[in-house]
Amino acid sequence: MQAGWTCVYRSPFEHLAELVRVMLEEHDIDAVVLNKKDSSYLNFGQLEVFVPEEDQQTAEALILSLEL
């Protein structure tokens, strides 16, 4: 990931990572999902949600409110 972005959420489940990404974007926070799952064995690895560093605290507070 490029400098200036930080990981705020990790999950082995794609639907949870996408839920977090959509919720952050609804709150005007740019977010991207980086898929770090093994391409041969999809049960290994995680998906990570990244946001700009300046939005990290707000994003983490919003994620905690989801109670995943």
C-alpha atoms as a PDB file:
ATOM      1  CA  MET A   1       0.000   0.000   0.000  1.00  0.00           C
ATOM      2  CA  GLN A   2       1.165   3.539  -0.654  1.00  0.00           C
ATOM      3  CA  ALA A   3       2.611   5.759   2.021  1.00  0.00           C
ATOM      4  CA  GLY A   4       0.035   7.832   3.853  1.00  0.00           C
ATOM      5  CA  TRP A   5      -2.469   4.972   4.203  1.00  0.00           C
ATOM      6  CA  THR A   6      -2.978   2.792   7.248  1.00  0.00           C
ATOM      7  CA  CYS A   7      -4.783  -0.475   7.919  1.00  0.00           C
ATOM      8  CA  VAL A   8      -7.801  -0.075  10.217  1.00  0.00           C
ATOM      9  CA  TYR A   9      -9.483  -3.464   9.836  1.00  0.00           C
ATOM     10  CA  ARG A  10      -8.569  -7.079   8.984  1.00  0.00           C
ATOM     11  CA  SER A  11     -10.857 -10.017   8.351  1.00  0.00           C
ATOM     12  CA  PRO A  12     -10.681 -13.403   6.652  1.00  0.00           C
ATOM     13  CA  PHE A  13     -14.236 -12.737   5.385  1.00  0.00           C
ATOM     14  CA  GLU A  14     -14.759 -10.651   2.248  1.00  0.00           C
ATOM     15  CA  HIS A  15     -18.294  -9.604   3.181  1.00  0.00           C
ATOM     16  CA  LEU A  16     -17.119  -8.067   6.480  1.00  0.00           C
ATOM     17  CA  ALA A  17     -14.264  -6.162   4.845  1.00  0.00           C
ATOM     18  CA  GLU A  18     -16.662  -4.804   2.205  1.00  0.00           C
ATOM     19  CA  LEU A  19     -19.204  -3.876   4.880  1.00  0.00           C
ATOM     20  CA  VAL A  20     -16.545  -1.828   6.664  1.00  0.00           C
ATOM     21  CA  ARG A  21     -15.394  -0.199   3.410  1.00  0.00           C
ATOM     22  CA  VAL A  22     -18.928   0.823   2.425  1.00  0.00           C
ATOM     23  CA  MET A  23     -19.707   2.174   5.897  1.00  0.00           C
ATOM     24  CA  LEU A  24     -16.519   4.273   5.876  1.00  0.00           C
ATOM     25  CA  GLU A  25     -17.291   5.640   2.417  1.00  0.00           C
ATOM     26  CA  GLU A  26     -20.808   6.558   3.588  1.00  0.00           C
ATOM     27  CA  HIS A  27     -19.070   8.720   6.203  1.00  0.00           C
ATOM     28  CA  ASP A  28     -16.904  10.401   3.515  1.00  0.00           C
ATOM     29  CA  ILE A  29     -13.752   8.455   4.368  1.00  0.00           C
ATOM     30  CA  ASP A  30     -11.826   7.037   1.417  1.00  0.00           C
ATOM     31  CA  ALA A  31     -11.291   3.320   1.965  1.00  0.00           C
ATOM     32  CA  VAL A  32      -9.842   0.466  -0.054  1.00  0.00           C
ATOM     33  CA  VAL A  33      -9.806  -3.285   0.525  1.00  0.00           C
ATOM     34  CA  LEU A  34      -6.534  -5.076  -0.092  1.00  0.00           C
ATOM     35  CA  ASN A  35      -6.963  -8.816  -0.638  1.00  0.00           C
ATOM     36  CA  LYS A  36      -4.046 -10.720   0.903  1.00  0.00           C
ATOM     37  CA  LYS A  37      -5.632 -14.153   0.561  1.00  0.00           C
ATOM     38  CA  ASP A  38      -3.587 -16.944  -0.997  1.00  0.00           C
ATOM     39  CA  SER A  39      -4.761 -17.412  -4.587  1.00  0.00           C
ATOM     40  CA  SER A  40      -4.453 -21.196  -4.404  1.00  0.00           C
ATOM     41  CA  TYR A  41      -5.943 -21.782  -0.951  1.00  0.00           C
ATOM     42  CA  LEU A  42      -8.572 -19.142  -0.224  1.00  0.00           C
ATOM     43  CA  ASN A  43      -8.830 -20.074   3.438  1.00  0.00           C
ATOM     44  CA  PHE A  44      -5.335 -18.650   4.110  1.00  0.00           C
ATOM     45  CA  GLY A  45      -4.800 -14.934   4.470  1.00  0.00           C
ATOM     46  CA  GLN A  46      -6.888 -11.882   5.194  1.00  0.00           C
ATOM     47  CA  LEU A  47      -8.495  -8.878   3.607  1.00  0.00           C
ATOM     48  CA  GLU A  48      -7.359  -5.505   4.948  1.00  0.00           C
ATOM     49  CA  VAL A  49      -9.178  -2.179   4.860  1.00  0.00           C
ATOM     50  CA  PHE A  50      -6.950   0.878   4.458  1.00  0.00           C
ATOM     51  CA  VAL A  51      -7.780   4.558   4.972  1.00  0.00           C
ATOM     52  CA  PRO A  52      -5.710   7.753   4.738  1.00  0.00           C
ATOM     53  CA  GLU A  53      -3.683   8.293   7.922  1.00  0.00           C
ATOM     54  CA  GLU A  54      -5.536  11.519   8.748  1.00  0.00           C
ATOM     55  CA  ASP A  55      -8.831   9.562   8.913  1.00  0.00           C
ATOM     56  CA  GLN A  56      -7.508   6.696  11.058  1.00  0.00           C
ATOM     57  CA  GLN A  57      -9.012   7.711  14.415  1.00  0.00           C
ATOM     58  CA  THR A  58     -12.441   8.480  12.966  1.00  0.00           C
ATOM     59  CA  ALA A  59     -12.443   5.237  10.975  1.00  0.00           C
ATOM     60  CA  GLU A  60     -11.482   3.129  13.992  1.00  0.00           C
ATOM     61  CA  ALA A  61     -14.247   4.732  16.087  1.00  0.00           C
ATOM     62  CA  LEU A  62     -16.808   4.014  13.379  1.00  0.00           C
ATOM     63  CA  ILE A  63     -15.633   0.406  13.056  1.00  0.00           C
ATOM     64  CA  LEU A  64     -15.960  -0.106  16.813  1.00  0.00           C
ATOM     65  CA  SER A  65     -19.547   1.135  16.612  1.00  0.00           C
ATOM     66  CA  LEU A  66     -20.379  -1.701  14.192  1.00  0.00           C
ATOM     67  CA  GLU A  67     -19.791  -4.360  16.862  1.00  0.00           C
ATOM     68  CA  LEU A  68     -18.568  -6.968  14.361  1.00  0.00           C
END
